[in-house]
Amino acid sequence: MNNKTGQNSALKVTFLNRKPRPYGNFSIENYFHTIGDNLAKKALVKQWNAPYFSKGFLKRLRSIFAVRKSPSADVYHITGDTHFLIWGVPRMKRKVLTIHDVGFLHESRGMKHSIFKFFWLTGPMRKADAVTTVSEATKNDVLRFFPTWKGKIHVIPTVIDSRFTLHEKAFNVECPTILLLGSAPNKNLTRVLEATKGLNVHLSIIAKLNEEEMKLLEGQSFELASSLSFEELIQKYRQADVLMLCSTLEGFGMPIIEAQAIGRAVITSNCSSMPEVAGDGALLVDPMSVQSMREGLQKLISDNEFREKLIQEGFENVKRFDPKTISDKYFEIYQSLLN
């Protein structure tokens, strides 16, 4: 547990986080630890981690009961993913819920859809005093299911982790390394692999692949990893020439600003939250069109002037996600709930 003490402030905030994963997805944890470090100048901030991974009914239920033993606070902030933790917060306490995406509703059907909708959205949103989303796209996605709750939702983007800093690297025009992250259905990996097939590129893939995806890699130059530490992930960004995030849906799309901060060219989708997050610092393509992605990647590789312009625009874009600015927005919400 990580405690940060603010001077001359009575405001106490406890972040309720999912159980940290040793490898893989670190975005939410890094995001709210950075937020907590900045809020510590104004408040007493405590980080609490769920004792169990979000897997299966009993483990989730035990995590909910465990919330009762978390540090007492004026405001409890459920930081994302494990929305159901809000059920463990005492009824009279102020509660903030952050929603990163609602992809689980798009990917489920029937009874499973109904259960997810109630325990991850309907119930938690009703219990929350304030709801934040990390992008306008996620807010609009939530409003598709709950159109009358518009006034309850605040859009506060994520922050860039301070460990993502400029790392100079000469672009390999002959055989650039293309970084691909994730293989969930929304990552659109099958089409992406079809778009890169036959091009003189080296694929650096951080994901677990199925048989169909492995077959698409036949004849391609690639390296594959599925379990990386945070430091190893940063190293993959540094070794890459291009980040290719051509998802069909993203709540925010953290890899976009992470690659921009390191100084890498970015190609991403023209839908969901990705144009909003990328600003002018990425080449936008149609993720449903293999040809669009292929032509976009070829332009990024061959047009040096265009590529360098995107990289410079990326540096400017990441300034929007300054930790102090974002932390101040959360502090305003906490204070408004107590007032």
C-alpha atoms as a PDB file:
ATOM      1  CA  MET A   1       0.000   0.000   0.000  1.00  0.00           C
ATOM      2  CA  ASN A   2       1.275   3.412  -0.909  1.00  0.00           C
ATOM      3  CA  ASN A   3       0.440   6.448   1.296  1.00  0.00           C
ATOM      4  CA  LYS A   4       0.867  10.086   0.344  1.00  0.00           C
ATOM      5  CA  THR A   5       0.179  12.848   2.855  1.00  0.00           C
ATOM      6  CA  GLY A   6      -1.008  16.322   1.884  1.00  0.00           C
ATOM      7  CA  GLN A   7      -0.205  19.287   4.104  1.00  0.00           C
ATOM      8  CA  ASN A   8      -2.943  21.308   5.871  1.00  0.00           C
ATOM      9  CA  SER A   9      -5.730  19.363   4.221  1.00  0.00           C
ATOM     10  CA  ALA A  10      -8.607  17.422   5.766  1.00  0.00           C
ATOM     11  CA  LEU A  11      -9.586  15.756   2.504  1.00  0.00           C
ATOM     12  CA  LYS A  12      -8.972  11.998   2.546  1.00  0.00           C
ATOM     13  CA  VAL A  13      -9.142   9.983  -0.666  1.00  0.00           C
ATOM     14  CA  THR A  14      -8.786   6.225  -1.078  1.00  0.00           C
ATOM     15  CA  PHE A  15      -8.211   4.775  -4.539  1.00  0.00           C
ATOM     16  CA  LEU A  16      -9.758   1.326  -4.901  1.00  0.00           C
ATOM     17  CA  ASN A  17      -7.659  -0.487  -7.518  1.00  0.00           C
ATOM     18  CA  ARG A  18      -7.863  -3.894  -9.129  1.00  0.00           C
ATOM     19  CA  LYS A  19      -5.234  -6.420  -8.041  1.00  0.00           C
ATOM     20  CA  PRO A  20      -2.044  -5.476  -9.955  1.00  0.00           C
ATOM     21  CA  ARG A  21      -0.976  -7.916 -12.639  1.00  0.00           C
ATOM     22  CA  PRO A  22       2.673  -9.004 -12.620  1.00  0.00           C
ATOM     23  CA  TYR A  23       2.797  -8.817 -16.429  1.00  0.00           C
ATOM     24  CA  GLY A  24       0.739  -7.336 -19.248  1.00  0.00           C
ATOM     25  CA  ASN A  25      -1.641  -4.424 -18.790  1.00  0.00           C
ATOM     26  CA  PHE A  26      -0.362  -1.737 -16.411  1.00  0.00           C
ATOM     27  CA  SER A  27      -2.180   1.348 -17.686  1.00  0.00           C
ATOM     28  CA  ILE A  28      -4.783   1.861 -14.952  1.00  0.00           C
ATOM     29  CA  GLU A  29      -2.347   1.250 -12.097  1.00  0.00           C
ATOM     30  CA  ASN A  30       0.284   3.612 -13.518  1.00  0.00           C
ATOM     31  CA  TYR A  31      -2.347   6.225 -14.291  1.00  0.00           C
ATOM     32  CA  PHE A  32      -3.784   6.455 -10.778  1.00  0.00           C
ATOM     33  CA  HIS A  33      -0.474   6.170  -8.976  1.00  0.00           C
ATOM     34  CA  THR A  34       0.673   9.183 -10.974  1.00  0.00           C
ATOM     35  CA  ILE A  35      -2.583  10.964 -10.109  1.00  0.00           C
ATOM     36  CA  GLY A  36      -2.117  10.049  -6.449  1.00  0.00           C
ATOM     37  CA  ASP A  37       1.417  11.413  -6.369  1.00  0.00           C
ATOM     38  CA  ASN A  38       0.162  14.773  -7.615  1.00  0.00           C
ATOM     39  CA  LEU A  39      -2.928  14.862  -5.394  1.00  0.00           C
ATOM     40  CA  ALA A  40      -0.714  14.214  -2.375  1.00  0.00           C
ATOM     41  CA  LYS A  41       0.199  17.903  -2.397  1.00  0.00           C
ATOM     42  CA  LYS A  42      -3.412  18.735  -1.497  1.00  0.00           C
ATOM     43  CA  ALA A  43      -4.849  15.702   0.274  1.00  0.00           C
ATOM     44  CA  LEU A  44      -4.207  12.488   2.133  1.00  0.00           C
ATOM     45  CA  VAL A  45      -4.222   9.857  -0.618  1.00  0.00           C
ATOM     46  CA  LYS A  46      -4.110   6.110  -0.040  1.00  0.00           C
ATOM     47  CA  GLN A  47      -3.866   3.351  -2.628  1.00  0.00           C
ATOM     48  CA  TRP A  48      -5.764   0.139  -1.877  1.00  0.00           C
ATOM     49  CA  ASN A  49      -5.479  -2.943  -4.091  1.00  0.00           C
ATOM     50  CA  ALA A  50      -8.102  -5.677  -4.325  1.00  0.00           C
ATOM     51  CA  PRO A  51      -6.793  -8.932  -2.785  1.00  0.00           C
ATOM     52  CA  TYR A  52      -8.051 -11.071  -5.674  1.00  0.00           C
ATOM     53  CA  PHE A  53      -7.977 -10.880  -9.459  1.00  0.00           C
ATOM     54  CA  SER A  54     -11.293 -10.093 -11.126  1.00  0.00           C
ATOM     55  CA  LYS A  55     -12.051 -13.665 -12.100  1.00  0.00           C
ATOM     56  CA  GLY A  56     -15.050 -15.705 -11.008  1.00  0.00           C
ATOM     57  CA  PHE A  57     -17.947 -14.817  -8.730  1.00  0.00           C
ATOM     58  CA  LEU A  58     -16.428 -15.840  -5.380  1.00  0.00           C
ATOM     59  CA  LYS A  59     -13.148 -13.959  -5.827  1.00  0.00           C
ATOM     60  CA  ARG A  60     -14.986 -10.819  -6.862  1.00  0.00           C
ATOM     61  CA  LEU A  61     -17.333 -11.147  -3.898  1.00  0.00           C
ATOM     62  CA  ARG A  62     -14.395 -11.537  -1.506  1.00  0.00           C
ATOM     63  CA  SER A  63     -12.801  -8.393  -2.931  1.00  0.00           C
ATOM     64  CA  ILE A  64     -16.065  -6.502  -2.375  1.00  0.00           C
ATOM     65  CA  PHE A  65     -16.131  -7.567   1.306  1.00  0.00           C
ATOM     66  CA  ALA A  66     -12.437  -6.694   1.628  1.00  0.00           C
ATOM     67  CA  VAL A  67     -13.212  -3.064   0.690  1.00  0.00           C
ATOM     68  CA  ARG A  68     -14.669  -2.684   4.194  1.00  0.00           C
ATOM     69  CA  LYS A  69     -11.120  -3.016   5.531  1.00  0.00           C
ATOM     70  CA  SER A  70      -9.670  -0.378   3.195  1.00  0.00           C
ATOM     71  CA  PRO A  71      -8.400   2.934   4.640  1.00  0.00           C
ATOM     72  CA  SER A  72     -11.218   5.196   5.827  1.00  0.00           C
ATOM     73  CA  ALA A  73     -11.745   8.214   3.565  1.00  0.00           C
ATOM     74  CA  ASP A  74     -14.037  11.105   2.707  1.00  0.00           C
ATOM     75  CA  VAL A  75     -14.061   9.998  -0.924  1.00  0.00           C
ATOM     76  CA  TYR A  76     -13.616   6.500  -2.317  1.00  0.00           C
ATOM     77  CA  HIS A  77     -12.540   6.416  -5.957  1.00  0.00           C
ATOM     78  CA  ILE A  78     -13.016   3.173  -7.894  1.00  0.00           C
ATOM     79  CA  THR A  79     -10.295   3.616 -10.483  1.00  0.00           C
ATOM     80  CA  GLY A  80     -11.616   1.353 -13.221  1.00  0.00           C
ATOM     81  CA  ASP A  81     -12.069  -2.151 -14.577  1.00  0.00           C
ATOM     82  CA  THR A  82     -13.328  -3.574 -11.237  1.00  0.00           C
ATOM     83  CA  HIS A  83     -16.411  -1.343 -11.025  1.00  0.00           C
ATOM     84  CA  PHE A  84     -18.107  -3.829  -8.706  1.00  0.00           C
ATOM     85  CA  LEU A  85     -15.803  -2.784  -5.817  1.00  0.00           C
ATOM     86  CA  ILE A  86     -18.178   0.132  -5.262  1.00  0.00           C
ATOM     87  CA  TRP A  87     -20.610  -2.328  -3.648  1.00  0.00           C
ATOM     88  CA  GLY A  88     -18.225  -2.593  -0.700  1.00  0.00           C
ATOM     89  CA  VAL A  89     -18.029   1.139   0.056  1.00  0.00           C
ATOM     90  CA  PRO A  90     -20.119   2.254   3.065  1.00  0.00           C
ATOM     91  CA  ARG A  91     -23.453   3.714   1.948  1.00  0.00           C
ATOM     92  CA  MET A  92     -22.976   7.226   3.369  1.00  0.00           C
ATOM     93  CA  LYS A  93     -19.492   7.726   1.917  1.00  0.00           C
ATOM     94  CA  ARG A  94     -18.880   9.736  -1.275  1.00  0.00           C
ATOM     95  CA  LYS A  95     -18.026   7.591  -4.268  1.00  0.00           C
ATOM     96  CA  VAL A  96     -16.394   8.334  -7.635  1.00  0.00           C
ATOM     97  CA  LEU A  97     -16.349   5.763 -10.435  1.00  0.00           C
ATOM     98  CA  THR A  98     -13.990   5.938 -13.431  1.00  0.00           C
ATOM     99  CA  ILE A  99     -15.040   4.070 -16.580  1.00  0.00           C
ATOM    100  CA  HIS A 100     -12.311   3.387 -19.129  1.00  0.00           C
ATOM    101  CA  ASP A 101     -14.432   1.577 -21.708  1.00  0.00           C
ATOM    102  CA  VAL A 102     -17.561  -0.552 -22.080  1.00  0.00           C
ATOM    103  CA  GLY A 103     -16.159  -3.021 -24.573  1.00  0.00           C
ATOM    104  CA  PHE A 104     -17.410  -5.886 -22.385  1.00  0.00           C
ATOM    105  CA  LEU A 105     -20.971  -4.914 -23.326  1.00  0.00           C
ATOM    106  CA  HIS A 106     -20.237  -5.032 -27.042  1.00  0.00           C
ATOM    107  CA  GLU A 107     -18.606  -8.455 -26.739  1.00  0.00           C
ATOM    108  CA  SER A 108     -21.269 -10.194 -24.611  1.00  0.00           C
ATOM    109  CA  ARG A 109     -24.761 -11.474 -25.382  1.00  0.00           C
ATOM    110  CA  GLY A 110     -27.847 -12.794 -23.576  1.00  0.00           C
ATOM    111  CA  MET A 111     -27.649 -13.467 -19.834  1.00  0.00           C
ATOM    112  CA  LYS A 112     -23.916 -12.694 -19.687  1.00  0.00           C
ATOM    113  CA  HIS A 113     -24.615  -9.256 -21.200  1.00  0.00           C
ATOM    114  CA  SER A 114     -27.329  -8.565 -18.619  1.00  0.00           C
ATOM    115  CA  ILE A 115     -25.081  -9.586 -15.712  1.00  0.00           C
ATOM    116  CA  PHE A 116     -22.165  -7.459 -16.931  1.00  0.00           C
ATOM    117  CA  LYS A 117     -24.436  -4.500 -17.554  1.00  0.00           C
ATOM    118  CA  PHE A 118     -25.897  -4.582 -14.046  1.00  0.00           C
ATOM    119  CA  PHE A 119     -22.765  -5.339 -11.985  1.00  0.00           C
ATOM    120  CA  TRP A 120     -20.303  -3.244 -14.023  1.00  0.00           C
ATOM    121  CA  LEU A 121     -22.492  -0.304 -15.094  1.00  0.00           C
ATOM    122  CA  THR A 122     -26.093   0.009 -13.922  1.00  0.00           C
ATOM    123  CA  GLY A 123     -25.486  -0.768 -10.264  1.00  0.00           C
ATOM    124  CA  PRO A 124     -22.128   1.020  -9.868  1.00  0.00           C
ATOM    125  CA  MET A 125     -23.348   4.138 -11.703  1.00  0.00           C
ATOM    126  CA  ARG A 126     -26.410   4.353  -9.469  1.00  0.00           C
ATOM    127  CA  LYS A 127     -24.262   4.080  -6.357  1.00  0.00           C
ATOM    128  CA  ALA A 128     -21.649   6.590  -7.559  1.00  0.00           C
ATOM    129  CA  ASP A 129     -21.935  10.270  -6.665  1.00  0.00           C
ATOM    130  CA  ALA A 130     -19.843  11.158  -9.716  1.00  0.00           C
ATOM    131  CA  VAL A 131     -18.746   9.219 -12.791  1.00  0.00           C
ATOM    132  CA  THR A 132     -15.717  10.025 -14.930  1.00  0.00           C
ATOM    133  CA  THR A 133     -14.762   8.644 -18.324  1.00  0.00           C
ATOM    134  CA  VAL A 134     -11.322   8.890 -19.907  1.00  0.00           C
ATOM    135  CA  SER A 135     -12.618  10.133 -23.259  1.00  0.00           C
ATOM    136  CA  GLU A 136     -15.634  11.663 -24.968  1.00  0.00           C
ATOM    137  CA  ALA A 137     -15.930   8.445 -26.959  1.00  0.00           C
ATOM    138  CA  THR A 138     -16.336   6.376 -23.783  1.00  0.00           C
ATOM    139  CA  LYS A 139     -18.824   8.893 -22.397  1.00  0.00           C
ATOM    140  CA  ASN A 140     -20.905   8.637 -25.572  1.00  0.00           C
ATOM    141  CA  ASP A 141     -20.678   4.850 -25.405  1.00  0.00           C
ATOM    142  CA  VAL A 142     -22.000   4.879 -21.824  1.00  0.00           C
ATOM    143  CA  LEU A 143     -24.795   7.286 -22.799  1.00  0.00           C
ATOM    144  CA  ARG A 144     -25.977   4.843 -25.455  1.00  0.00           C
ATOM    145  CA  PHE A 145     -27.019   2.596 -22.569  1.00  0.00           C
ATOM    146  CA  PHE A 146     -27.914   5.361 -20.072  1.00  0.00           C
ATOM    147  CA  PRO A 147     -28.937   8.490 -22.031  1.00  0.00           C
ATOM    148  CA  THR A 148     -30.560  10.209 -19.029  1.00  0.00           C
ATOM    149  CA  TRP A 149     -27.326  10.226 -16.974  1.00  0.00           C
ATOM    150  CA  LYS A 150     -25.527  12.804 -19.102  1.00  0.00           C
ATOM    151  CA  GLY A 151     -25.117  15.353 -16.297  1.00  0.00           C
ATOM    152  CA  LYS A 152     -23.489  12.819 -13.986  1.00  0.00           C
ATOM    153  CA  ILE A 153     -20.529  12.055 -16.259  1.00  0.00           C
ATOM    154  CA  HIS A 154     -17.296  14.091 -16.366  1.00  0.00           C
ATOM    155  CA  VAL A 155     -14.651  13.535 -19.046  1.00  0.00           C
ATOM    156  CA  ILE A 156     -11.155  13.527 -17.546  1.00  0.00           C
ATOM    157  CA  PRO A 157      -8.437  11.994 -19.754  1.00  0.00           C
ATOM    158  CA  THR A 158      -5.665   9.783 -18.491  1.00  0.00           C
ATOM    159  CA  VAL A 159      -2.109  10.979 -17.841  1.00  0.00           C
ATOM    160  CA  ILE A 160       1.180  10.001 -19.407  1.00  0.00           C
ATOM    161  CA  ASP A 161       3.507   8.083 -17.111  1.00  0.00           C
ATOM    162  CA  SER A 162       6.709  10.058 -16.443  1.00  0.00           C
ATOM    163  CA  ARG A 163       8.810   7.023 -17.431  1.00  0.00           C
ATOM    164  CA  PHE A 164       7.798   7.474 -21.069  1.00  0.00           C
ATOM    165  CA  THR A 165      10.394   9.985 -22.240  1.00  0.00           C
ATOM    166  CA  LEU A 166      12.058  10.821 -25.551  1.00  0.00           C
ATOM    167  CA  HIS A 167      14.415   8.106 -26.778  1.00  0.00           C
ATOM    168  CA  GLU A 168      16.248   9.023 -29.970  1.00  0.00           C
ATOM    169  CA  LYS A 169      16.407   6.357 -32.676  1.00  0.00           C
ATOM    170  CA  ALA A 170      17.155   6.564 -36.381  1.00  0.00           C
ATOM    171  CA  PHE A 171      14.162   5.356 -38.393  1.00  0.00           C
ATOM    172  CA  ASN A 172      14.887   2.087 -40.198  1.00  0.00           C
ATOM    173  CA  VAL A 173      13.498   2.809 -43.667  1.00  0.00           C
ATOM    174  CA  GLU A 174      14.704  -0.520 -45.097  1.00  0.00           C
ATOM    175  CA  CYS A 175      12.930  -2.718 -42.536  1.00  0.00           C
ATOM    176  CA  PRO A 176      11.118  -0.768 -39.808  1.00  0.00           C
ATOM    177  CA  THR A 177       9.968  -2.471 -36.618  1.00  0.00           C
ATOM    178  CA  ILE A 178       6.194  -2.230 -36.152  1.00  0.00           C
ATOM    179  CA  LEU A 179       4.949  -2.531 -32.564  1.00  0.00           C
ATOM    180  CA  LEU A 180       1.588  -4.307 -32.113  1.00  0.00           C
ATOM    181  CA  LEU A 181      -0.015  -4.529 -28.666  1.00  0.00           C
ATOM    182  CA  GLY A 182      -2.772  -6.968 -27.707  1.00  0.00           C
ATOM    183  CA  SER A 183      -4.934  -9.559 -29.405  1.00  0.00           C
ATOM    184  CA  ALA A 184      -8.366  -8.940 -27.860  1.00  0.00           C
ATOM    185  CA  PRO A 185     -11.177  -8.821 -30.449  1.00  0.00           C
ATOM    186  CA  ASN A 186     -11.185  -5.015 -30.521  1.00  0.00           C
ATOM    187  CA  LYS A 187      -7.447  -4.966 -31.373  1.00  0.00           C
ATOM    188  CA  ASN A 188      -8.349  -6.047 -34.925  1.00  0.00           C
ATOM    189  CA  LEU A 189      -5.172  -8.089 -35.168  1.00  0.00           C
ATOM    190  CA  THR A 190      -6.284 -10.367 -38.005  1.00  0.00           C
ATOM    191  CA  ARG A 191      -6.821  -7.436 -40.390  1.00  0.00           C
ATOM    192  CA  VAL A 192      -3.630  -5.735 -39.184  1.00  0.00           C
ATOM    193  CA  LEU A 193      -1.567  -8.850 -39.945  1.00  0.00           C
ATOM    194  CA  GLU A 194      -3.179  -9.074 -43.370  1.00  0.00           C
ATOM    195  CA  ALA A 195      -2.257  -5.416 -43.972  1.00  0.00           C
ATOM    196  CA  THR A 196       1.424  -5.986 -43.132  1.00  0.00           C
ATOM    197  CA  LYS A 197       1.774  -9.239 -45.071  1.00  0.00           C
ATOM    198  CA  GLY A 198       4.329  -8.960 -47.872  1.00  0.00           C
ATOM    199  CA  LEU A 199       5.775  -5.659 -46.634  1.00  0.00           C
ATOM    200  CA  ASN A 200       9.442  -5.515 -45.694  1.00  0.00           C
ATOM    201  CA  VAL A 201       8.802  -4.892 -41.990  1.00  0.00           C
ATOM    202  CA  HIS A 202       9.632  -6.599 -38.710  1.00  0.00           C
ATOM    203  CA  LEU A 203       6.662  -7.114 -36.357  1.00  0.00           C
ATOM    204  CA  SER A 204       7.173  -6.797 -32.594  1.00  0.00           C
ATOM    205  CA  ILE A 205       4.012  -8.357 -31.158  1.00  0.00           C
ATOM    206  CA  ILE A 206       3.061  -8.208 -27.482  1.00  0.00           C
ATOM    207  CA  ALA A 207       0.129 -10.608 -27.254  1.00  0.00           C
ATOM    208  CA  LYS A 208      -1.014 -14.215 -27.082  1.00  0.00           C
ATOM    209  CA  LEU A 209      -1.941 -15.368 -30.570  1.00  0.00           C
ATOM    210  CA  ASN A 210      -4.375 -18.011 -31.739  1.00  0.00           C
ATOM    211  CA  GLU A 211      -3.793 -20.522 -34.513  1.00  0.00           C
ATOM    212  CA  GLU A 212      -5.298 -18.302 -37.234  1.00  0.00           C
ATOM    213  CA  GLU A 213      -3.108 -15.349 -36.260  1.00  0.00           C
ATOM    214  CA  MET A 214       0.017 -17.507 -36.152  1.00  0.00           C
ATOM    215  CA  LYS A 215      -0.759 -18.744 -39.649  1.00  0.00           C
ATOM    216  CA  LEU A 216      -0.945 -15.151 -40.921  1.00  0.00           C
ATOM    217  CA  LEU A 217       2.611 -14.654 -39.671  1.00  0.00           C
ATOM    218  CA  GLU A 218       4.002 -17.292 -42.000  1.00  0.00           C
ATOM    219  CA  GLY A 219       6.672 -15.691 -44.182  1.00  0.00           C
ATOM    220  CA  GLN A 220       6.780 -12.541 -42.056  1.00  0.00           C
ATOM    221  CA  SER A 221       9.644 -11.336 -39.876  1.00  0.00           C
ATOM    222  CA  PHE A 222       8.391 -11.157 -36.304  1.00  0.00           C
ATOM    223  CA  GLU A 223       9.121 -11.536 -32.607  1.00  0.00           C
ATOM    224  CA  LEU A 224       6.482 -12.542 -30.086  1.00  0.00           C
ATOM    225  CA  ALA A 225       6.146 -11.869 -26.345  1.00  0.00           C
ATOM    226  CA  SER A 226       3.166 -12.163 -24.034  1.00  0.00           C
ATOM    227  CA  SER A 227       4.477 -11.576 -20.512  1.00  0.00           C
ATOM    228  CA  LEU A 228       6.563  -8.428 -20.081  1.00  0.00           C
ATOM    229  CA  SER A 229       7.433  -6.309 -17.082  1.00  0.00           C
ATOM    230  CA  PHE A 230       6.786  -2.576 -17.334  1.00  0.00           C
ATOM    231  CA  GLU A 231      10.474  -1.889 -17.951  1.00  0.00           C
ATOM    232  CA  GLU A 232      10.573  -4.494 -20.716  1.00  0.00           C
ATOM    233  CA  LEU A 233       7.496  -2.921 -22.312  1.00  0.00           C
ATOM    234  CA  ILE A 234       9.171   0.487 -22.403  1.00  0.00           C
ATOM    235  CA  GLN A 235      12.179  -1.140 -24.060  1.00  0.00           C
ATOM    236  CA  LYS A 236       9.896  -2.530 -26.793  1.00  0.00           C
ATOM    237  CA  TYR A 237       8.623   0.985 -27.485  1.00  0.00           C
ATOM    238  CA  ARG A 238      12.196   2.255 -27.737  1.00  0.00           C
ATOM    239  CA  GLN A 239      13.202  -0.482 -30.176  1.00  0.00           C
ATOM    240  CA  ALA A 240      10.191   0.148 -32.439  1.00  0.00           C
ATOM    241  CA  ASP A 241       9.994   2.524 -35.387  1.00  0.00           C
ATOM    242  CA  VAL A 242       6.188   2.646 -35.617  1.00  0.00           C
ATOM    243  CA  LEU A 243       3.306   1.956 -33.245  1.00  0.00           C
ATOM    244  CA  MET A 244       0.333   0.452 -35.085  1.00  0.00           C
ATOM    245  CA  LEU A 245      -2.848   0.613 -32.991  1.00  0.00           C
ATOM    246  CA  CYS A 246      -5.676   0.045 -35.465  1.00  0.00           C
ATOM    247  CA  SER A 247      -8.380  -1.120 -33.080  1.00  0.00           C
ATOM    248  CA  THR A 248     -12.094  -1.102 -33.776  1.00  0.00           C
ATOM    249  CA  LEU A 249     -12.779   0.233 -30.262  1.00  0.00           C
ATOM    250  CA  GLU A 250     -10.676   1.860 -27.535  1.00  0.00           C
ATOM    251  CA  GLY A 251     -11.806   3.556 -24.354  1.00  0.00           C
ATOM    252  CA  PHE A 252      -8.729   5.757 -24.570  1.00  0.00           C
ATOM    253  CA  GLY A 253      -5.795   4.114 -26.358  1.00  0.00           C
ATOM    254  CA  MET A 254      -2.863   4.647 -23.988  1.00  0.00           C
ATOM    255  CA  PRO A 255      -0.255   3.234 -26.413  1.00  0.00           C
ATOM    256  CA  ILE A 256      -0.856   6.251 -28.667  1.00  0.00           C
ATOM    257  CA  ILE A 257       0.445   8.827 -26.208  1.00  0.00           C
ATOM    258  CA  GLU A 258       3.078   6.453 -24.821  1.00  0.00           C
ATOM    259  CA  ALA A 259       4.579   6.066 -28.308  1.00  0.00           C
ATOM    260  CA  GLN A 260       4.284   9.817 -28.960  1.00  0.00           C
ATOM    261  CA  ALA A 261       6.151  10.610 -25.729  1.00  0.00           C
ATOM    262  CA  ILE A 262       9.005   8.265 -26.697  1.00  0.00           C
ATOM    263  CA  GLY A 263       9.182   9.805 -30.182  1.00  0.00           C
ATOM    264  CA  ARG A 264       7.710   7.116 -32.390  1.00  0.00           C
ATOM    265  CA  ALA A 265       5.503   7.434 -35.449  1.00  0.00           C
ATOM    266  CA  VAL A 266       1.906   6.357 -34.807  1.00  0.00           C
ATOM    267  CA  ILE A 267      -0.704   4.901 -37.142  1.00  0.00           C
ATOM    268  CA  THR A 268      -4.141   4.440 -35.585  1.00  0.00           C
ATOM    269  CA  SER A 269      -7.853   4.195 -36.354  1.00  0.00           C
ATOM    270  CA  ASN A 270     -10.171   6.958 -37.489  1.00  0.00           C
ATOM    271  CA  CYS A 271     -12.928   5.838 -35.081  1.00  0.00           C
ATOM    272  CA  SER A 272     -13.820   5.525 -31.395  1.00  0.00           C
ATOM    273  CA  SER A 273     -11.549   7.523 -29.034  1.00  0.00           C
ATOM    274  CA  MET A 274      -8.369   7.255 -31.107  1.00  0.00           C
ATOM    275  CA  PRO A 275      -8.615  10.487 -33.180  1.00  0.00           C
ATOM    276  CA  GLU A 276      -9.534  12.359 -29.977  1.00  0.00           C
ATOM    277  CA  VAL A 277      -6.481  11.009 -28.134  1.00  0.00           C
ATOM    278  CA  ALA A 278      -3.972  11.182 -31.017  1.00  0.00           C
ATOM    279  CA  GLY A 279      -4.681  14.802 -31.955  1.00  0.00           C
ATOM    280  CA  ASP A 280      -2.597  15.747 -34.996  1.00  0.00           C
ATOM    281  CA  GLY A 281       0.195  13.362 -34.018  1.00  0.00           C
ATOM    282  CA  ALA A 282      -0.885  10.200 -35.854  1.00  0.00           C
ATOM    283  CA  LEU A 283      -1.873   8.907 -39.256  1.00  0.00           C
ATOM    284  CA  LEU A 284      -5.545   7.873 -39.166  1.00  0.00           C
ATOM    285  CA  VAL A 285      -6.789   4.913 -41.210  1.00  0.00           C
ATOM    286  CA  ASP A 286      -9.947   2.841 -41.552  1.00  0.00           C
ATOM    287  CA  PRO A 287      -9.495  -0.243 -39.293  1.00  0.00           C
ATOM    288  CA  MET A 288     -12.103  -2.180 -41.275  1.00  0.00           C
ATOM    289  CA  SER A 289     -10.109  -1.774 -44.499  1.00  0.00           C
ATOM    290  CA  VAL A 290      -6.937  -3.821 -44.972  1.00  0.00           C
ATOM    291  CA  GLN A 291      -6.051  -1.628 -47.946  1.00  0.00           C
ATOM    292  CA  SER A 292      -6.401   1.602 -45.930  1.00  0.00           C
ATOM    293  CA  MET A 293      -4.094   0.305 -43.206  1.00  0.00           C
ATOM    294  CA  ARG A 294      -1.578  -1.048 -45.711  1.00  0.00           C
ATOM    295  CA  GLU A 295      -1.427   2.193 -47.713  1.00  0.00           C
ATOM    296  CA  GLY A 296      -1.169   4.243 -44.521  1.00  0.00           C
ATOM    297  CA  LEU A 297       1.745   2.176 -43.247  1.00  0.00           C
ATOM    298  CA  GLN A 298       3.517   2.443 -46.612  1.00  0.00           C
ATOM    299  CA  LYS A 299       3.136   6.239 -46.575  1.00  0.00           C
ATOM    300  CA  LEU A 300       4.466   6.448 -43.036  1.00  0.00           C
ATOM    301  CA  ILE A 301       7.535   4.420 -44.024  1.00  0.00           C
ATOM    302  CA  SER A 302       8.298   6.138 -47.337  1.00  0.00           C
ATOM    303  CA  ASP A 303       7.482   9.798 -46.628  1.00  0.00           C
ATOM    304  CA  ASN A 304      10.224  11.049 -44.298  1.00  0.00           C
ATOM    305  CA  GLU A 305       8.928  14.625 -44.081  1.00  0.00           C
ATOM    306  CA  PHE A 306       5.373  13.532 -43.324  1.00  0.00           C
ATOM    307  CA  ARG A 307       6.564  11.063 -40.686  1.00  0.00           C
ATOM    308  CA  GLU A 308       8.754  13.601 -38.897  1.00  0.00           C
ATOM    309  CA  LYS A 309       5.895  16.104 -38.861  1.00  0.00           C
ATOM    310  CA  LEU A 310       3.645  13.541 -37.150  1.00  0.00           C
ATOM    311  CA  ILE A 311       6.325  12.791 -34.557  1.00  0.00           C
ATOM    312  CA  GLN A 312       6.705  16.481 -33.706  1.00  0.00           C
ATOM    313  CA  GLU A 313       2.934  16.895 -33.490  1.00  0.00           C
ATOM    314  CA  GLY A 314       2.938  13.906 -31.143  1.00  0.00           C
ATOM    315  CA  PHE A 315       5.333  15.676 -28.769  1.00  0.00           C
ATOM    316  CA  GLU A 316       2.952  18.625 -28.624  1.00  0.00           C
ATOM    317  CA  ASN A 317      -0.077  16.397 -28.175  1.00  0.00           C
ATOM    318  CA  VAL A 318       1.165  14.649 -25.023  1.00  0.00           C
ATOM    319  CA  LYS A 319       1.313  17.996 -23.215  1.00  0.00           C
ATOM    320  CA  ARG A 320      -2.488  17.785 -22.943  1.00  0.00           C
ATOM    321  CA  PHE A 321      -2.102  14.893 -20.533  1.00  0.00           C
ATOM    322  CA  ASP A 322      -0.009  16.689 -17.913  1.00  0.00           C
ATOM    323  CA  PRO A 323      -0.454  14.949 -14.508  1.00  0.00           C
ATOM    324  CA  LYS A 324      -0.913  18.182 -12.522  1.00  0.00           C
ATOM    325  CA  THR A 325      -3.708  19.434 -14.782  1.00  0.00           C
ATOM    326  CA  ILE A 326      -5.542  16.109 -14.655  1.00  0.00           C
ATOM    327  CA  SER A 327      -5.078  15.761 -10.883  1.00  0.00           C
ATOM    328  CA  ASP A 328      -6.547  19.216 -10.317  1.00  0.00           C
ATOM    329  CA  LYS A 329      -9.686  18.187 -12.209  1.00  0.00           C
ATOM    330  CA  TYR A 330     -10.189  15.198  -9.934  1.00  0.00           C
ATOM    331  CA  PHE A 331      -9.570  17.345  -6.853  1.00  0.00           C
ATOM    332  CA  GLU A 332     -12.330  19.720  -7.967  1.00  0.00           C
ATOM    333  CA  ILE A 333     -14.775  16.812  -8.218  1.00  0.00           C
ATOM    334  CA  TYR A 334     -13.856  15.512  -4.748  1.00  0.00           C
ATOM    335  CA  GLN A 335     -14.327  18.929  -3.204  1.00  0.00           C
ATOM    336  CA  SER A 336     -17.654  19.493  -4.971  1.00  0.00           C
ATOM    337  CA  LEU A 337     -19.014  16.228  -3.549  1.00  0.00           C
ATOM    338  CA  LEU A 338     -18.053  17.166   0.001  1.00  0.00           C
ATOM    339  CA  ASN A 339     -19.384  20.695  -0.351  1.00  0.00           C
END
